[in-house]
Amino acid sequence: MSGSPRREGRSTPPIARSTLSVSAGIAGWIVSGLVLNALLARQFGAGLEMDAYLAASALPTLLSVVVQGALTLTLLPLLVEMETRGEVEASRRLLAGLFRWSLLVLGALSILCALFAGPILRALAPGLPEEGRELAARNLRALAASIPLQGIVCLFQSVHYARHRYVLASFVPIAGNLATIAIVLALASRWGVTAAAWGASAGSLVQCLLLLPVPGPGSALATPGGWGEPGVRRLAGLLWPILLGSVLYRGNSVVERFIASYGPEKSISHLGYAAKIVGLLVLLLTQGLGLALLGRFSAQATLRDPAALRDSLSKALRAVLVATTPAVLLLAAVRVPLVQVLFERREFLPEDSRGTADALLCYSGAIYGACLGTIFSRVLYAYQRTGLAAAIGIAGAAAHLGVAALLFRAFGYLGVAVAFSVSQLATVAPLALAARALLGSLDGRRALLTAGKALLASIPMALVALLLVGALGLEGAAMGPRLAGLALVGATSVLLFVGAAGLLRIPEVRTVMGEVGRLLRFRSE
């Protein structure tokens, strides 16, 4: 059944409110993820066991990220387009067919990973000693079950996001982390680091069970949907370029661990811990806004309203610049005590904190590149130009591989982290040019002005944070004083930035503060 297109503004919540709803769930997921990583650091440190676990998790993590990114970026715009046009039954049949295909394809990949874990690890981490590769193979077999489960979770989440049901889809991953934590606490003494691998698979199952019975994605599974549904064929045409491209340009973790496996012991671990912090920060800064924008951009593209889309893009770019600049500079100022608070205990030694903090600094450019690239790429996905987005990503992946191999010779694992920053920053310009070609123009002058103001407001904040870290002696303090000192530095930094932003008249800060205030008043009522 189809009807006339509805105007997207009638049922679409404000972007700021949608962003904050998703970001709140992501913040909770990040906190639970940091607790999990702190537990892993406490139990296994940064030695051979953790190297083996991270080497094993590289492929399942890559597949999960690829599937999640591809499904979200192609399915969400297609669902928004169908429902904007009133094609509700067609969207249900699309979801039913897609569910069956996901189980078939991802289930087959899971079985292959379990059967050929040993050869896979010999190919992905050839520099690990034989003992480490055997342990990594056991971990990969335990993680194999998470591959189809995470695919189904991603499918259900995309449906919720397309229908503006942000809260449940954003908070369910927290339950997955909590399940993993429980299994590690219960079984780590008996199974070692393999308990974390089984815990990850169990966490994926918990997420599936929580999302399955909810009206919407769950009810669509009972809809008769053939393998050759028109919607499924159309989605496949959009999906295959980004799947192919994602395997390459999101395979940076596999590439990094392959190269770092030839370095000294702990190289993979230091990169892995630092990359986790960077990835979580990028998620916090962009996931909520990116999902809200993808739905908004898709509706505006369906309604052929490029002026509205340009306005939405301009606002989003300025908001990301205002959020990312102080976050990156503050992270650089407090990186050592932050890593110490998160990971330094028992098997994770002070030299591991320094090695991870150095990698974190080298990764900082990737935060800018990933955040800006996320916003520009949403324009391409809204117009369903998945092939172009994939081509740009593949070019960035090629740059990453070449620069990482070159810099590793001179700087070891830190060169690998710098290479990732270079590759992420290099993709921003072509994504921006592609978005400009689709929209006719970009509000670049206002974005540059906002970037300059954000930098001016962030520099004194970062300097004060750096001075406070030294004056309070946080790097050598005990855990309690270090944690309290970091809280003090963080609160002082936020107040300084907000005050400076007010003096420089940065409107995005006032908008966010006002929206937070409205949400808090709504909750209290």
Protein backbone atom coordinates (compact mmCIF):
# COMPACT_ATOMS: atom_id res chain seq x y z
CA MET A 1 0.00 0.00 0.00
CA SER A 2 1.33 3.43 -0.87
CA GLY A 3 0.21 6.94 -0.27
CA SER A 4 1.29 10.47 -0.88
CA PRO A 5 4.58 11.53 0.63
CA ARG A 6 4.32 13.00 4.08
CA ARG A 7 6.31 16.01 5.13
CA GLU A 8 9.25 14.88 7.21
CA GLY A 9 8.90 17.57 9.80
CA ARG A 10 5.56 16.32 11.12
CA SER A 11 6.83 13.19 12.81
CA THR A 12 10.57 13.75 13.02
CA PRO A 13 11.78 14.81 16.47
CA PRO A 14 14.20 17.76 16.76
CA ILE A 15 17.76 16.79 15.82
CA ALA A 16 19.17 18.04 19.12
CA ARG A 17 16.70 15.95 21.12
CA SER A 18 17.25 12.82 19.00
CA THR A 19 21.01 13.30 19.25
CA LEU A 20 20.92 13.63 23.02
CA SER A 21 18.68 10.56 23.36
CA VAL A 22 21.08 8.39 21.35
CA SER A 23 24.15 9.96 22.96
CA ALA A 24 22.82 9.17 26.43
CA GLY A 25 22.54 5.49 25.52
CA ILE A 26 25.96 5.55 23.88
CA ALA A 27 27.46 7.21 26.95
CA GLY A 28 26.09 4.39 29.09
CA TRP A 29 27.44 1.84 26.64
CA ILE A 30 30.83 3.58 26.69
CA VAL A 31 30.95 3.54 30.49
CA SER A 32 30.08 -0.16 30.58
CA GLY A 33 32.64 -0.79 27.82
CA LEU A 34 35.33 1.03 29.78
CA VAL A 35 34.47 -1.02 32.86
CA LEU A 36 34.83 -4.17 30.75
CA ASN A 37 38.19 -3.04 29.36
CA ALA A 38 39.40 -2.08 32.83
CA LEU A 39 38.45 -5.57 34.00
CA LEU A 40 40.33 -7.15 31.08
CA ALA A 41 43.37 -4.96 31.81
CA ARG A 42 43.26 -5.98 35.47
CA GLN A 43 42.99 -9.67 34.64
CA PHE A 44 45.27 -9.98 31.63
CA GLY A 45 47.35 -6.78 31.36
CA ALA A 46 49.03 -6.05 28.02
CA GLY A 47 50.91 -9.30 27.49
CA LEU A 48 50.57 -12.34 25.25
CA GLU A 49 47.07 -13.27 26.42
CA MET A 50 45.66 -9.86 25.52
CA ASP A 51 47.61 -9.80 22.24
CA ALA A 52 45.98 -13.14 21.38
CA TYR A 53 42.50 -11.95 22.34
CA LEU A 54 42.79 -8.73 20.32
CA ALA A 55 44.18 -10.60 17.32
CA ALA A 56 41.24 -13.04 17.48
CA SER A 57 38.64 -10.31 17.92
CA ALA A 58 39.87 -8.30 14.93
CA LEU A 59 37.91 -10.30 12.31
CA PRO A 60 34.59 -10.62 14.24
CA THR A 61 34.82 -6.95 15.18
CA LEU A 62 35.47 -6.01 11.57
CA LEU A 63 32.50 -8.06 10.36
CA SER A 64 30.28 -6.53 13.04
CA VAL A 65 31.35 -3.00 12.19
CA VAL A 66 30.99 -3.64 8.46
CA VAL A 67 27.51 -5.13 8.80
CA GLN A 68 26.37 -2.47 11.25
CA GLY A 69 27.66 0.36 9.12
CA ALA A 70 26.36 -1.08 5.85
CA LEU A 71 22.91 -1.93 7.18
CA THR A 72 22.46 1.36 9.00
CA LEU A 73 23.67 3.48 6.10
CA THR A 74 21.62 1.70 3.43
CA LEU A 75 18.60 0.20 5.20
CA LEU A 76 17.76 3.26 7.27
CA PRO A 77 17.45 5.67 4.27
CA LEU A 78 15.49 3.05 2.31
CA LEU A 79 13.04 2.48 5.18
CA VAL A 80 12.63 6.22 5.66
CA GLU A 81 11.95 6.63 1.94
CA MET A 82 9.37 3.80 1.93
CA GLU A 83 7.56 5.02 5.00
CA THR A 84 7.70 8.64 3.86
CA ARG A 85 5.86 7.45 0.73
CA GLY A 86 3.43 5.33 2.77
CA GLU A 87 4.79 1.95 1.56
CA VAL A 88 4.48 0.27 4.97
CA GLU A 89 3.74 -3.28 3.77
CA ALA A 90 6.67 -3.18 1.35
CA SER A 91 9.00 -2.18 4.18
CA ARG A 92 7.77 -5.11 6.32
CA ARG A 93 8.38 -7.59 3.52
CA LEU A 94 11.83 -6.10 2.98
CA LEU A 95 12.70 -6.67 6.65
CA ALA A 96 11.43 -10.26 6.58
CA GLY A 97 13.52 -11.14 3.54
CA LEU A 98 16.58 -9.34 4.89
CA PHE A 99 16.36 -11.24 8.19
CA ARG A 100 16.46 -14.58 6.37
CA TRP A 101 19.39 -13.54 4.18
CA SER A 102 21.30 -12.24 7.21
CA LEU A 103 20.95 -15.53 9.05
CA LEU A 104 22.10 -17.50 5.99
CA VAL A 105 25.13 -15.41 5.04
CA LEU A 106 26.40 -14.48 8.50
CA GLY A 107 25.73 -17.96 9.83
CA ALA A 108 27.90 -19.40 7.06
CA LEU A 109 30.70 -16.94 7.91
CA SER A 110 30.44 -17.92 11.56
CA ILE A 111 30.86 -21.60 10.73
CA LEU A 112 33.85 -20.88 8.50
CA CYS A 113 35.55 -18.86 11.26
CA ALA A 114 35.03 -21.69 13.73
CA LEU A 115 36.28 -24.41 11.37
CA PHE A 116 39.32 -22.53 10.05
CA ALA A 117 40.31 -20.47 13.09
CA GLY A 118 43.91 -21.70 13.02
CA PRO A 119 44.69 -20.80 9.39
CA ILE A 120 42.85 -17.48 9.75
CA LEU A 121 45.01 -16.47 12.71
CA ARG A 122 48.19 -17.56 10.95
CA ALA A 123 47.23 -15.19 8.13
CA LEU A 124 46.05 -12.28 10.28
CA ALA A 125 48.73 -12.30 13.00
CA PRO A 126 51.76 -14.13 11.57
CA GLY A 127 54.14 -12.42 13.97
CA LEU A 128 52.56 -13.93 17.09
CA PRO A 129 54.44 -16.86 18.66
CA GLU A 130 52.88 -20.31 18.18
CA GLU A 131 51.44 -20.32 21.71
CA GLY A 132 49.75 -16.97 21.09
CA ARG A 133 48.27 -18.12 17.75
CA GLU A 134 46.80 -21.25 19.36
CA LEU A 135 45.20 -19.18 22.10
CA ALA A 136 43.93 -16.69 19.52
CA ALA A 137 42.36 -19.56 17.52
CA ARG A 138 40.45 -20.74 20.63
CA ASN A 139 39.21 -17.21 21.17
CA LEU A 140 38.08 -16.89 17.54
CA ARG A 141 36.03 -20.10 17.83
CA ALA A 142 34.31 -18.68 20.89
CA LEU A 143 33.68 -15.35 19.15
CA ALA A 144 32.30 -16.94 15.98
CA ALA A 145 28.76 -17.17 17.39
CA SER A 146 28.67 -13.39 17.82
CA ILE A 147 28.89 -12.80 14.04
CA PRO A 148 25.28 -13.69 13.04
CA LEU A 149 23.93 -12.46 16.37
CA GLN A 150 25.47 -9.02 15.91
CA GLY A 151 24.08 -8.88 12.37
CA ILE A 152 20.54 -9.42 13.68
CA VAL A 153 21.09 -6.81 16.39
CA CYS A 154 22.20 -4.31 13.75
CA LEU A 155 19.13 -5.09 11.63
CA PHE A 156 16.75 -4.51 14.53
CA GLN A 157 18.52 -1.34 15.61
CA SER A 158 18.25 0.11 12.10
CA VAL A 159 14.49 -0.41 12.17
CA HIS A 160 14.18 1.40 15.47
CA TYR A 161 16.31 4.30 14.27
CA ALA A 162 14.32 4.62 11.05
CA ARG A 163 11.13 4.93 13.12
CA HIS A 164 12.71 7.41 15.58
CA ARG A 165 12.71 4.88 18.46
CA TYR A 166 16.13 5.91 19.63
CA VAL A 167 16.08 5.10 23.33
CA LEU A 168 15.72 1.29 23.39
CA ALA A 169 18.03 0.68 20.43
CA SER A 170 20.70 2.87 22.03
CA PHE A 171 20.49 1.38 25.52
CA VAL A 172 20.31 -2.34 24.65
CA PRO A 173 24.10 -2.62 23.94
CA ILE A 174 24.70 -1.77 27.60
CA ALA A 175 23.07 -5.08 28.54
CA GLY A 176 25.46 -6.86 26.19
CA ASN A 177 28.50 -5.38 27.94
CA LEU A 178 27.05 -6.23 31.35
CA ALA A 179 26.57 -9.86 30.28
CA THR A 180 30.19 -10.01 29.09
CA ILE A 181 31.42 -8.51 32.38
CA ALA A 182 29.45 -11.09 34.37
CA ILE A 183 30.94 -14.00 32.42
CA VAL A 184 34.49 -12.65 32.72
CA LEU A 185 34.09 -12.27 36.48
CA ALA A 186 32.66 -15.77 36.80
CA LEU A 187 34.93 -17.72 34.45
CA ALA A 188 38.21 -15.81 33.90
CA SER A 189 39.99 -17.73 36.64
CA ARG A 190 39.07 -21.03 34.94
CA TRP A 191 39.09 -20.20 31.23
CA GLY A 192 41.52 -17.29 31.10
CA VAL A 193 41.04 -14.67 28.40
CA THR A 194 38.80 -17.05 26.44
CA ALA A 195 36.09 -16.19 28.99
CA ALA A 196 35.98 -12.70 27.44
CA ALA A 197 35.42 -14.23 24.00
CA TRP A 198 32.52 -16.38 25.21
CA GLY A 199 31.21 -13.37 27.12
CA ALA A 200 31.13 -11.30 23.92
CA SER A 201 29.02 -13.94 22.17
CA ALA A 202 26.70 -14.17 25.17
CA GLY A 203 26.35 -10.39 25.19
CA SER A 204 25.27 -10.44 21.53
CA LEU A 205 22.62 -13.06 22.34
CA VAL A 206 21.28 -10.93 25.19
CA GLN A 207 20.88 -7.96 22.84
CA CYS A 208 19.00 -10.08 20.29
CA LEU A 209 16.58 -11.36 22.93
CA LEU A 210 15.89 -7.86 24.23
CA LEU A 211 15.16 -6.45 20.76
CA LEU A 212 13.29 -9.41 19.26
CA PRO A 213 9.86 -9.19 20.97
CA VAL A 214 9.46 -5.44 20.48
CA PRO A 215 6.65 -4.50 18.04
CA GLY A 216 8.24 -3.33 14.81
CA PRO A 217 11.27 -5.48 14.06
CA GLY A 218 9.88 -8.54 15.82
CA SER A 219 6.50 -8.47 14.09
CA ALA A 220 8.12 -8.06 10.67
CA LEU A 221 9.68 -11.51 11.00
CA ALA A 222 6.25 -13.14 10.74
CA THR A 223 5.54 -11.29 7.49
CA PRO A 224 5.75 -13.51 4.38
CA GLY A 225 8.81 -12.23 2.62
CA GLY A 226 10.52 -14.15 -0.16
CA TRP A 227 14.22 -14.29 -0.85
CA GLY A 228 13.66 -12.27 -4.03
CA GLU A 229 11.49 -9.44 -2.68
CA PRO A 230 11.86 -6.26 -4.79
CA GLY A 231 12.92 -4.33 -1.70
CA VAL A 232 15.59 -6.93 -0.91
CA ARG A 233 16.94 -6.75 -4.47
CA ARG A 234 17.04 -2.97 -4.33
CA LEU A 235 18.79 -3.02 -0.94
CA ALA A 236 21.32 -5.54 -2.27
CA GLY A 237 22.16 -3.14 -5.09
CA LEU A 238 22.85 -0.42 -2.55
CA LEU A 239 24.51 -2.74 -0.07
CA TRP A 240 27.19 -4.55 -2.04
CA PRO A 241 29.41 -1.51 -2.81
CA ILE A 242 29.50 -0.42 0.81
CA LEU A 243 30.03 -3.98 2.07
CA LEU A 244 32.96 -4.42 -0.28
CA GLY A 245 34.34 -1.01 0.56
CA SER A 246 33.81 -1.43 4.30
CA VAL A 247 35.78 -4.66 4.40
CA LEU A 248 38.70 -2.65 3.02
CA TYR A 249 38.41 0.77 4.63
CA ARG A 250 37.13 -0.50 7.98
CA GLY A 251 39.74 -3.22 8.04
CA ASN A 252 42.23 -0.84 9.66
CA SER A 253 42.24 -2.82 12.92
CA VAL A 254 43.14 -6.00 11.05
CA VAL A 255 45.87 -4.18 9.11
CA GLU A 256 47.23 -2.54 12.25
CA ARG A 257 47.39 -5.80 14.19
CA PHE A 258 48.97 -7.59 11.25
CA ILE A 259 51.75 -4.99 11.04
CA ALA A 260 52.13 -4.60 14.82
CA SER A 261 52.47 -8.39 15.24
CA TYR A 262 56.01 -7.96 13.86
CA GLY A 263 56.86 -5.49 16.61
CA PRO A 264 57.86 -6.13 20.22
CA GLU A 265 55.44 -7.86 22.58
CA LYS A 266 52.64 -5.52 23.76
CA SER A 267 52.58 -3.52 20.51
CA ILE A 268 49.16 -4.93 19.58
CA SER A 269 47.85 -4.38 23.10
CA HIS A 270 48.96 -0.74 23.29
CA LEU A 271 47.36 -0.01 19.93
CA GLY A 272 44.22 -1.94 20.87
CA TYR A 273 43.64 -0.15 24.17
CA ALA A 274 44.26 3.28 22.61
CA ALA A 275 42.06 2.52 19.60
CA LYS A 276 39.26 1.50 21.96
CA ILE A 277 39.32 4.91 23.66
CA VAL A 278 39.40 6.72 20.32
CA GLY A 279 36.58 4.61 18.92
CA LEU A 280 34.39 5.20 21.96
CA LEU A 281 35.00 8.95 21.82
CA VAL A 282 34.12 9.08 18.11
CA LEU A 283 30.94 7.14 18.82
CA LEU A 284 29.98 9.54 21.59
CA LEU A 285 30.61 12.56 19.39
CA THR A 286 28.97 11.34 16.18
CA GLN A 287 26.69 8.34 16.60
CA GLY A 288 23.71 10.18 18.01
CA LEU A 289 23.99 13.08 15.59
CA GLY A 290 24.85 10.81 12.67
CA LEU A 291 21.78 8.61 13.13
CA ALA A 292 19.45 11.56 13.63
CA LEU A 293 20.91 13.25 10.54
CA LEU A 294 20.69 10.16 8.35
CA GLY A 295 16.95 9.94 8.94
CA ARG A 296 16.51 13.70 8.45
CA PHE A 297 18.74 13.84 5.35
CA SER A 298 16.97 10.82 3.81
CA ALA A 299 13.54 12.38 4.23
CA GLN A 300 14.77 15.70 2.80
CA ALA A 301 16.38 13.90 -0.15
CA THR A 302 13.16 11.95 -0.79
CA LEU A 303 11.18 15.20 -0.75
CA ARG A 304 13.78 16.82 -3.09
CA ASP A 305 14.54 19.65 -0.69
CA PRO A 306 18.29 20.36 -1.08
CA ALA A 307 18.02 23.77 0.58
CA ALA A 308 16.74 22.20 3.79
CA LEU A 309 19.40 19.51 3.58
CA ARG A 310 22.14 22.11 3.13
CA ASP A 311 20.88 23.95 6.20
CA SER A 312 20.81 20.72 8.25
CA LEU A 313 24.32 19.82 7.07
CA SER A 314 25.67 23.27 7.94
CA LYS A 315 24.28 23.10 11.46
CA ALA A 316 25.62 19.58 11.95
CA LEU A 317 29.13 20.50 10.79
CA ARG A 318 29.29 23.44 13.16
CA ALA A 319 28.04 21.33 16.05
CA VAL A 320 30.65 18.64 15.37
CA LEU A 321 33.47 21.18 15.19
CA VAL A 322 32.40 22.74 18.48
CA ALA A 323 32.24 19.33 20.18
CA THR A 324 35.34 17.71 18.65
CA THR A 325 37.91 20.49 19.11
CA PRO A 326 37.76 20.73 22.93
CA ALA A 327 37.40 16.95 23.25
CA VAL A 328 40.61 16.26 21.28
CA LEU A 329 42.67 18.90 23.09
CA LEU A 330 41.41 17.83 26.52
CA LEU A 331 42.14 14.19 25.71
CA ALA A 332 45.71 15.11 24.75
CA ALA A 333 46.17 17.00 28.04
CA VAL A 334 44.93 14.22 30.34
CA ARG A 335 45.80 11.14 28.31
CA VAL A 336 48.32 9.60 30.74
CA PRO A 337 46.26 9.82 33.97
CA LEU A 338 43.17 8.85 31.98
CA VAL A 339 44.80 5.63 30.76
CA GLN A 340 46.08 4.98 34.27
CA VAL A 341 42.60 5.33 35.76
CA LEU A 342 41.02 3.14 33.10
CA PHE A 343 43.54 0.32 32.88
CA GLU A 344 46.53 0.47 35.25
CA ARG A 345 46.09 -2.26 37.83
CA ARG A 346 47.66 -5.66 38.50
CA GLU A 347 48.91 -6.96 35.14
CA PHE A 348 48.67 -3.57 33.37
CA LEU A 349 51.93 -1.85 34.34
CA PRO A 350 52.97 1.85 34.39
CA GLU A 351 54.99 1.38 31.20
CA ASP A 352 51.85 0.04 29.55
CA SER A 353 50.03 3.23 30.52
CA ARG A 354 52.73 5.33 28.89
CA GLY A 355 52.80 3.19 25.74
CA THR A 356 49.01 3.32 25.40
CA ALA A 357 48.90 7.08 26.09
CA ASP A 358 51.53 7.70 23.38
CA ALA A 359 49.43 5.72 20.89
CA LEU A 360 46.36 7.67 21.97
CA LEU A 361 48.06 10.96 21.12
CA CYS A 362 49.06 9.63 17.70
CA TYR A 363 45.45 8.60 17.06
CA SER A 364 44.04 12.06 17.87
CA GLY A 365 43.96 13.23 14.25
CA ALA A 366 41.70 10.30 13.42
CA ILE A 367 39.07 11.72 15.77
CA TYR A 368 38.76 14.86 13.64
CA GLY A 369 38.77 12.90 10.40
CA ALA A 370 36.21 10.34 11.55
CA CYS A 371 33.84 12.94 12.99
CA LEU A 372 33.85 15.23 9.95
CA GLY A 373 33.78 12.30 7.53
CA THR A 374 30.74 10.85 9.29
CA ILE A 375 28.72 14.02 8.72
CA PHE A 376 29.67 14.49 5.05
CA SER A 377 29.14 10.83 4.24
CA ARG A 378 25.56 10.97 5.52
CA VAL A 379 24.71 13.18 2.54
CA LEU A 380 25.94 10.52 0.12
CA TYR A 381 24.01 7.76 1.89
CA ALA A 382 20.85 9.88 2.00
CA TYR A 383 21.06 10.15 -1.80
CA GLN A 384 21.93 6.42 -1.90
CA ARG A 385 25.32 7.05 -3.56
CA THR A 386 26.84 4.06 -1.79
CA GLY A 387 29.31 3.28 -4.57
CA LEU A 388 30.89 6.73 -4.38
CA ALA A 389 31.12 6.58 -0.58
CA ALA A 390 32.73 3.14 -0.81
CA ALA A 391 35.27 4.31 -3.40
CA ILE A 392 36.38 7.20 -1.19
CA GLY A 393 36.70 4.83 1.76
CA ILE A 394 38.76 2.35 -0.25
CA ALA A 395 41.15 5.13 -1.28
CA GLY A 396 41.57 6.06 2.37
CA ALA A 397 42.24 2.43 3.28
CA ALA A 398 44.92 2.19 0.60
CA ALA A 399 46.57 5.32 2.01
CA HIS A 400 46.41 3.82 5.50
CA LEU A 401 48.06 0.59 4.42
CA GLY A 402 50.88 2.31 2.57
CA VAL A 403 51.62 4.94 5.20
CA ALA A 404 51.38 2.40 8.07
CA ALA A 405 53.91 0.06 6.43
CA LEU A 406 56.25 3.00 5.83
CA LEU A 407 56.02 4.57 9.29
CA PHE A 408 56.20 1.26 11.16
CA ARG A 409 59.79 0.84 10.01
CA ALA A 410 60.81 4.15 11.59
CA PHE A 411 58.47 4.55 14.57
CA GLY A 412 57.10 1.11 15.39
CA TYR A 413 53.49 0.82 16.52
CA LEU A 414 53.23 4.61 17.00
CA GLY A 415 53.78 5.03 13.27
CA VAL A 416 50.81 2.73 12.66
CA ALA A 417 48.61 5.01 14.80
CA VAL A 418 49.84 8.13 12.97
CA ALA A 419 49.07 6.44 9.64
CA PHE A 420 45.47 5.88 10.70
CA SER A 421 45.12 9.57 11.58
CA VAL A 422 46.54 10.54 8.19
CA SER A 423 44.15 8.23 6.32
CA GLN A 424 41.08 9.46 8.21
CA LEU A 425 41.93 13.11 7.62
CA ALA A 426 42.67 12.44 3.93
CA THR A 427 39.11 11.21 3.28
CA VAL A 428 37.41 14.39 4.53
CA ALA A 429 38.15 16.52 1.44
CA PRO A 430 36.76 14.10 -1.18
CA LEU A 431 33.66 13.46 0.96
CA ALA A 432 33.08 17.22 1.27
CA LEU A 433 33.52 17.71 -2.49
CA ALA A 434 31.06 14.88 -3.21
CA ALA A 435 28.50 16.38 -0.83
CA ARG A 436 28.95 19.78 -2.48
CA ALA A 437 28.37 18.25 -5.92
CA LEU A 438 25.06 16.78 -4.72
CA LEU A 439 23.83 19.89 -2.90
CA GLY A 440 25.20 22.62 -5.15
CA SER A 441 27.07 24.44 -2.39
CA LEU A 442 28.23 24.17 1.22
CA ASP A 443 28.20 26.78 3.95
CA GLY A 444 31.98 26.52 4.26
CA ARG A 445 32.63 30.06 5.46
CA ARG A 446 30.41 29.73 8.53
CA ALA A 447 31.93 26.33 9.31
CA LEU A 448 35.48 27.76 9.18
CA LEU A 449 34.47 30.67 11.39
CA THR A 450 32.96 28.28 13.92
CA ALA A 451 36.08 26.08 13.79
CA GLY A 452 38.28 29.11 14.55
CA LYS A 453 36.10 30.16 17.48
CA ALA A 454 36.04 26.61 18.86
CA LEU A 455 39.84 26.46 18.70
CA LEU A 456 40.18 29.83 20.47
CA ALA A 457 37.85 28.64 23.22
CA SER A 458 39.63 25.29 23.54
CA ILE A 459 43.29 26.38 23.76
CA PRO A 460 43.10 28.07 27.19
CA MET A 461 40.99 25.16 28.45
CA ALA A 462 43.64 22.63 27.35
CA LEU A 463 46.49 24.69 28.82
CA VAL A 464 44.74 24.93 32.18
CA ALA A 465 44.02 21.19 32.11
CA LEU A 466 47.69 20.45 31.39
CA LEU A 467 48.80 22.72 34.24
CA LEU A 468 46.35 21.13 36.66
CA VAL A 469 47.53 17.61 35.74
CA GLY A 470 51.10 18.64 36.60
CA ALA A 471 50.22 20.70 39.69
CA LEU A 472 48.10 17.90 41.18
CA GLY A 473 50.68 15.24 40.32
CA LEU A 474 48.04 13.04 38.78
CA GLU A 475 50.42 10.79 36.86
CA GLY A 476 52.07 9.59 40.08
CA ALA A 477 49.05 9.73 42.38
CA ALA A 478 47.15 6.83 43.94
CA MET A 479 43.91 5.70 42.29
CA GLY A 480 41.52 7.65 44.53
CA PRO A 481 43.27 11.06 44.30
CA ARG A 482 43.93 10.49 40.60
CA LEU A 483 40.26 9.85 39.90
CA ALA A 484 39.17 12.86 41.97
CA GLY A 485 41.79 15.02 40.26
CA LEU A 486 40.60 13.96 36.81
CA ALA A 487 37.03 14.82 37.77
CA LEU A 488 38.21 18.26 38.93
CA VAL A 489 40.20 18.82 35.73
CA GLY A 490 37.24 17.74 33.61
CA ALA A 491 34.71 19.97 35.39
CA THR A 492 37.08 22.96 35.29
CA SER A 493 37.76 22.41 31.60
CA VAL A 494 34.07 22.23 30.69
CA LEU A 495 33.32 25.43 32.62
CA LEU A 496 36.24 27.24 30.99
CA PHE A 497 35.18 26.16 27.51
CA VAL A 498 31.51 27.06 28.02
CA GLY A 499 32.54 30.45 29.42
CA ALA A 500 34.91 31.15 26.54
CA ALA A 501 32.28 29.96 24.03
CA GLY A 502 29.83 32.41 25.56
CA LEU A 503 32.29 35.28 25.20
CA LEU A 504 32.96 34.29 21.58
CA ARG A 505 29.21 33.90 20.94
CA ILE A 506 29.24 30.33 19.69
CA PRO A 507 25.52 29.59 19.28
CA GLU A 508 25.85 25.80 19.12
CA VAL A 509 26.93 25.66 22.76
CA ARG A 510 23.88 27.68 23.84
CA THR A 511 21.62 25.41 21.76
CA VAL A 512 22.94 22.23 23.38
CA MET A 513 22.80 23.68 26.89
CA GLY A 514 19.23 24.84 26.29
CA GLU A 515 18.16 21.42 24.97
CA VAL A 516 19.76 19.68 27.96
CA GLY A 517 17.90 22.01 30.27
CA ARG A 518 14.58 21.28 28.54
CA LEU A 519 15.16 17.53 28.72
CA LEU A 520 16.00 17.73 32.42
CA ARG A 521 12.88 19.78 33.12
CA PHE A 522 10.80 17.28 31.13
CA ARG A 523 12.22 14.34 33.13
CA SER A 524 11.62 16.07 36.46
CA GLU A 525 8.02 16.75 35.54
